[in-house]
C-alpha atoms as a PDB file:
ATOM      1  CA  MET A   1      53.824 -93.271 226.345  1.00  0.00           C
ATOM      2  CA  GLU A   2      56.512 -93.177 223.795  1.00  0.00           C
ATOM      3  CA  GLU A   3      54.198 -91.298 221.502  1.00  0.00           C
ATOM      4  CA  GLU A   4      53.696 -88.626 224.141  1.00  0.00           C
ATOM      5  CA  ASN A   5      57.455 -88.181 224.579  1.00  0.00           C
ATOM      6  CA  LYS A   6      57.873 -87.892 220.831  1.00  0.00           C
ATOM      7  CA  VAL A   7      55.131 -85.236 220.710  1.00  0.00           C
ATOM      8  CA  GLU A   8      56.847 -83.304 223.513  1.00  0.00           C
ATOM      9  CA  GLU A   9      60.170 -83.565 221.753  1.00  0.00           C
ATOM     10  CA  VAL A  10      58.631 -82.267 218.563  1.00  0.00           C
ATOM     11  CA  LYS A  11      57.275 -79.304 220.447  1.00  0.00           C
ATOM     12  CA  GLU A  12      60.690 -78.441 221.840  1.00  0.00           C
ATOM     13  CA  VAL A  13      62.501 -78.704 218.556  1.00  0.00           C
ATOM     14  CA  LYS A  14      62.817 -75.330 216.894  1.00  0.00           C
ATOM     15  CA  THR A  15      63.527 -74.738 213.310  1.00  0.00           C
ATOM     16  CA  PRO A  16      66.031 -72.104 212.232  1.00  0.00           C
ATOM     17  CA  GLU A  17      63.211 -70.168 210.646  1.00  0.00           C
ATOM     18  CA  SER A  18      61.294 -69.978 213.926  1.00  0.00           C
ATOM     19  CA  GLU A  19      64.445 -68.863 215.768  1.00  0.00           C
ATOM     20  CA  VAL A  20      65.027 -66.099 213.241  1.00  0.00           C
ATOM     21  CA  GLN A  21      61.410 -65.078 213.560  1.00  0.00           C
ATOM     22  CA  GLU A  22      61.692 -64.954 217.383  1.00  0.00           C
ATOM     23  CA  VAL A  23      64.863 -62.866 217.160  1.00  0.00           C
ATOM     24  CA  THR A  24      63.230 -60.392 214.816  1.00  0.00           C
ATOM     25  CA  GLU A  25      60.203 -60.197 217.096  1.00  0.00           C
ATOM     26  CA  LEU A  26      62.491 -59.573 220.068  1.00  0.00           C
ATOM     27  CA  GLN A  27      64.302 -56.879 218.116  1.00  0.00           C
ATOM     28  CA  LYS A  28      61.004 -55.243 217.246  1.00  0.00           C
ATOM     29  CA  LYS A  29      59.906 -55.356 220.893  1.00  0.00           C
ATOM     30  CA  GLN A  30      63.237 -53.916 222.010  1.00  0.00           C
ATOM     31  CA  GLN A  31      62.915 -51.146 219.427  1.00  0.00           C
ATOM     32  CA  GLU A  32      59.400 -50.357 220.721  1.00  0.00           C
ATOM     33  CA  ILE A  33      60.713 -50.284 224.286  1.00  0.00           C
ATOM     34  CA  ASP A  34      63.546 -47.952 223.256  1.00  0.00           C
ATOM     35  CA  GLU A  35      61.117 -45.632 221.449  1.00  0.00           C
ATOM     36  CA  LEU A  36      58.739 -45.557 224.426  1.00  0.00           C
ATOM     37  CA  ASN A  37      61.647 -44.945 226.795  1.00  0.00           C
ATOM     38  CA  ASP A  38      62.858 -42.073 224.605  1.00  0.00           C
ATOM     39  CA  ARG A  39      59.368 -40.552 224.476  1.00  0.00           C
ATOM     40  CA  TYR A  40      59.082 -40.905 228.252  1.00  0.00           C
ATOM     41  CA  LYS A  41      62.395 -39.083 228.773  1.00  0.00           C
ATOM     42  CA  ARG A  42      61.347 -36.282 226.417  1.00  0.00           C
ATOM     43  CA  VAL A  43      57.989 -35.847 228.155  1.00  0.00           C
ATOM     44  CA  MET A  44      59.710 -35.729 231.543  1.00  0.00           C
ATOM     45  CA  ALA A  45      62.185 -33.111 230.271  1.00  0.00           C
ATOM     46  CA  GLU A  46      59.328 -31.041 228.842  1.00  0.00           C
ATOM     47  CA  PHE A  47      57.484 -31.264 232.153  1.00  0.00           C
ATOM     48  CA  GLU A  48      60.568 -30.124 234.104  1.00  0.00           C
ATOM     49  CA  ASN A  49      60.992 -27.183 231.727  1.00  0.00           C
ATOM     50  CA  TYR A  50      57.306 -26.342 232.146  1.00  0.00           C
ATOM     51  CA  LYS A  51      57.648 -26.353 235.935  1.00  0.00           C
ATOM     52  CA  LYS A  52      60.689 -24.052 235.778  1.00  0.00           C
ATOM     53  CA  ARG A  53      58.942 -21.704 233.343  1.00  0.00           C
ATOM     54  CA  ALA A  54      55.801 -21.596 235.499  1.00  0.00           C
ATOM     55  CA  GLN A  55      57.884 -20.849 238.613  1.00  0.00           C
ATOM     56  CA  LYS A  56      59.658 -17.963 236.843  1.00  0.00           C
ATOM     57  CA  GLU A  57      56.312 -16.585 235.654  1.00  0.00           C
ATOM     58  CA  ARG A  58      54.893 -16.759 239.188  1.00  0.00           C
ATOM     59  CA  GLU A  59      57.930 -14.959 240.615  1.00  0.00           C
ATOM     60  CA  SER A  60      57.772 -12.332 237.880  1.00  0.00           C
ATOM     61  CA  MET A  61      54.061 -11.777 238.478  1.00  0.00           C
ATOM     62  CA  TYR A  62      54.604 -11.544 242.248  1.00  0.00           C
ATOM     63  CA  ASN A  63      57.424  -9.007 241.847  1.00  0.00           C
ATOM     64  CA  MET A  64      55.350  -6.970 239.390  1.00  0.00           C
ATOM     65  CA  ILE A  65      52.360  -6.835 241.735  1.00  0.00           C
ATOM     66  CA  LEU A  66      54.580  -6.107 244.742  1.00  0.00           C
ATOM     67  CA  SER A  67      56.353  -3.289 242.893  1.00  0.00           C
ATOM     68  CA  ASP A  68      52.987  -1.768 241.924  1.00  0.00           C
ATOM     69  CA  VAL A  69      51.819  -1.827 245.545  1.00  0.00           C
ATOM     70  CA  VAL A  70      55.112  -0.482 246.868  1.00  0.00           C
ATOM     71  CA  SER A  71      55.209   2.314 244.266  1.00  0.00           C
ATOM     72  CA  THR A  72      51.794   3.545 245.440  1.00  0.00           C
ATOM     73  CA  ILE A  73      52.903   3.755 249.078  1.00  0.00           C
ATOM     74  CA  LEU A  74      56.361   5.257 248.489  1.00  0.00           C
ATOM     75  CA  PRO A  75      55.016   8.838 248.846  1.00  0.00           C
ATOM     76  CA  VAL A  76      53.834   7.884 252.329  1.00  0.00           C
ATOM     77  CA  LEU A  77      57.341   6.655 253.123  1.00  0.00           C
ATOM     78  CA  ASP A  78      58.786   9.911 251.785  1.00  0.00           C
ATOM     79  CA  ASN A  79      56.474  11.887 254.077  1.00  0.00           C
ATOM     80  CA  LEU A  80      57.483   9.772 257.070  1.00  0.00           C
ATOM     81  CA  GLU A  81      61.155  10.413 256.298  1.00  0.00           C
ATOM     82  CA  ASN A  82      60.487  14.147 256.007  1.00  0.00           C
ATOM     83  CA  ALA A  83      58.549  14.089 259.300  1.00  0.00           C
ATOM     84  CA  SER A  84      61.420  12.328 261.062  1.00  0.00           C
ATOM     85  CA  LYS A  85      63.852  15.020 259.830  1.00  0.00           C
ATOM     86  CA  ALA A  86      61.609  17.904 260.886  1.00  0.00           C
ATOM     87  CA  GLU A  87      62.499  19.958 263.943  1.00  0.00           C
ATOM     88  CA  THR A  88      59.971  19.588 266.735  1.00  0.00           C
ATOM     89  CA  GLN A  89      59.752  20.326 270.437  1.00  0.00           C
ATOM     90  CA  ASP A  90      58.014  17.059 271.225  1.00  0.00           C
ATOM     91  CA  ALA A  91      60.690  14.319 271.385  1.00  0.00           C
ATOM     92  CA  THR A  92      58.087  11.624 271.965  1.00  0.00           C
ATOM     93  CA  TYR A  93      56.273  12.557 268.759  1.00  0.00           C
ATOM     94  CA  LYS A  94      59.528  12.466 266.801  1.00  0.00           C
ATOM     95  CA  GLN A  95      60.468   9.112 268.329  1.00  0.00           C
ATOM     96  CA  GLY A  96      57.057   7.697 267.368  1.00  0.00           C
ATOM     97  CA  VAL A  97      57.481   8.834 263.748  1.00  0.00           C
ATOM     98  CA  GLU A  98      60.967   7.294 263.643  1.00  0.00           C
ATOM     99  CA  MET A  99      59.610   4.011 265.010  1.00  0.00           C
ATOM    100  CA  VAL A 100      56.887   3.913 262.339  1.00  0.00           C
ATOM    101  CA  LEU A 101      59.510   4.728 259.689  1.00  0.00           C
ATOM    102  CA  LYS A 102      61.768   1.921 260.938  1.00  0.00           C
ATOM    103  CA  GLN A 103      58.853  -0.517 260.929  1.00  0.00           C
ATOM    104  CA  PHE A 104      57.928   0.550 257.404  1.00  0.00           C
ATOM    105  CA  ASN A 105      61.518   0.029 256.190  1.00  0.00           C
ATOM    106  CA  ASP A 106      61.683  -3.378 257.913  1.00  0.00           C
ATOM    107  CA  VAL A 107      58.513  -4.524 256.115  1.00  0.00           C
ATOM    108  CA  LEU A 108      59.913  -3.401 252.766  1.00  0.00           C
ATOM    109  CA  SER A 109      63.220  -5.164 253.451  1.00  0.00           C
ATOM    110  CA  ALA A 110      61.386  -8.357 254.368  1.00  0.00           C
ATOM    111  CA  LYS A 111      59.651  -8.248 250.964  1.00  0.00           C
ATOM    112  CA  GLY A 112      62.968  -7.810 249.135  1.00  0.00           C
ATOM    113  CA  VAL A 113      62.680  -4.068 248.472  1.00  0.00           C
ATOM    114  CA  GLU A 114      66.060  -2.328 248.565  1.00  0.00           C
ATOM    115  CA  THR A 115      67.049   1.326 248.416  1.00  0.00           C
ATOM    116  CA  ILE A 116      69.247   2.298 245.494  1.00  0.00           C
ATOM    117  CA  LYS A 117      72.674   3.543 246.565  1.00  0.00           C
ATOM    118  CA  THR A 118      73.380   7.058 245.423  1.00  0.00           C
ATOM    119  CA  VAL A 119      75.804   9.541 247.067  1.00  0.00           C
ATOM    120  CA  GLY A 120      79.398   8.652 246.227  1.00  0.00           C
ATOM    121  CA  GLU A 121      78.370   6.112 243.569  1.00  0.00           C
ATOM    122  CA  THR A 122      78.860   6.421 239.819  1.00  0.00           C
ATOM    123  CA  PHE A 123      75.788   7.589 237.911  1.00  0.00           C
ATOM    124  CA  ASP A 124      73.876   4.699 236.310  1.00  0.00           C
ATOM    125  CA  PRO A 125      70.969   5.772 234.072  1.00  0.00           C
ATOM    126  CA  SER A 126      69.237   2.414 234.598  1.00  0.00           C
ATOM    127  CA  VAL A 127      68.663   3.170 238.295  1.00  0.00           C
ATOM    128  CA  HIS A 128      69.306   6.931 238.669  1.00  0.00           C
ATOM    129  CA  GLU A 129      67.585   9.973 237.238  1.00  0.00           C
ATOM    130  CA  ALA A 130      69.819  13.052 236.960  1.00  0.00           C
ATOM    131  CA  VAL A 131      67.940  16.260 237.737  1.00  0.00           C
ATOM    132  CA  SER A 132      70.977  18.528 237.547  1.00  0.00           C
ATOM    133  CA  SER A 133      74.745  18.561 237.364  1.00  0.00           C
ATOM    134  CA  VAL A 134      77.459  20.539 239.104  1.00  0.00           C
ATOM    135  CA  GLN A 135      81.096  21.235 238.351  1.00  0.00           C
ATOM    136  CA  ASP A 136      83.270  20.018 241.214  1.00  0.00           C
ATOM    137  CA  GLU A 137      86.928  19.201 240.593  1.00  0.00           C
ATOM    138  CA  THR A 138      87.159  17.257 243.869  1.00  0.00           C
ATOM    139  CA  LYS A 139      84.612  14.723 242.654  1.00  0.00           C
ATOM    140  CA  GLY A 140      85.094  12.032 240.039  1.00  0.00           C
ATOM    141  CA  GLN A 141      83.536  11.821 236.593  1.00  0.00           C
ATOM    142  CA  GLN A 142      79.775  11.055 236.752  1.00  0.00           C
ATOM    143  CA  GLU A 143      79.864  10.832 240.577  1.00  0.00           C
ATOM    144  CA  ILE A 144      76.603  11.408 242.442  1.00  0.00           C
ATOM    145  CA  VAL A 145      76.938  14.268 244.949  1.00  0.00           C
ATOM    146  CA  GLN A 146      73.368  14.719 246.197  1.00  0.00           C
ATOM    147  CA  GLU A 147      70.111  12.779 246.384  1.00  0.00           C
ATOM    148  CA  TYR A 148      66.748  14.532 245.985  1.00  0.00           C
ATOM    149  CA  ARG A 149      64.534  11.471 246.240  1.00  0.00           C
ATOM    150  CA  LYS A 150      65.336   7.894 247.184  1.00  0.00           C
ATOM    151  CA  GLY A 151      64.979   5.160 244.629  1.00  0.00           C
ATOM    152  CA  TYR A 152      63.877   1.585 245.291  1.00  0.00           C
ATOM    153  CA  LYS A 153      64.211  -1.754 243.542  1.00  0.00           C
ATOM    154  CA  ILE A 154      63.202  -5.404 243.930  1.00  0.00           C
ATOM    155  CA  GLY A 155      66.047  -7.574 242.724  1.00  0.00           C
ATOM    156  CA  SER A 156      67.030  -6.013 239.403  1.00  0.00           C
ATOM    157  CA  ARG A 157      63.586  -4.461 238.784  1.00  0.00           C
ATOM    158  CA  VAL A 158      63.530  -0.710 239.530  1.00  0.00           C
ATOM    159  CA  ILE A 159      60.365   0.436 241.302  1.00  0.00           C
ATOM    160  CA  ARG A 160      61.331   4.115 241.388  1.00  0.00           C
ATOM    161  CA  HIS A 161      64.505   5.758 240.067  1.00  0.00           C
ATOM    162  CA  SER A 162      66.629   7.853 242.428  1.00  0.00           C
ATOM    163  CA  MET A 163      66.604  11.572 241.655  1.00  0.00           C
ATOM    164  CA  VAL A 164      70.213  12.754 241.942  1.00  0.00           C
ATOM    165  CA  VAL A 165      72.685  15.552 241.242  1.00  0.00           C
ATOM    166  CA  VAL A 166      75.726  14.449 239.249  1.00  0.00           C
ATOM    167  CA  ALA A 167      79.173  16.027 239.338  1.00  0.00           C
ATOM    168  CA  ASN A 168      81.196  16.973 236.219  1.00  0.00           C
END
């Protein structure tokens, strides 16, 4: 029995060399863990950036397609607006046209389409198209005095520029 205890004691006794070796192995393992942790964090950051980029691309694509569709039906909206302004004897007919026009505008608003403000605003070539100018001392510099055709935009993307008359 004493021999067994001695064998067990020998097993438990560690030499300084083995302790140094264990420490270096632990340091190597810790370094590997740190490297893997760093790689994991970088991959997660790349994935988050990818998700954000993909979301922006989807939104951009959606707005581009929506603006293409809206630009093709804007002449119909123009005709409805002209029909609602027309003089007619039949009030019911005019009311029906106005209701369709309101419904059309509500659908566009729900999709984020906005009309570009014109009369009384300062001329902005990024959203307005000047078709003529007038001299009017009562108006400010580059002030819009008349609108020929409405302009529309989705967010900052212009679907159709407003056709306007600019003063001075």
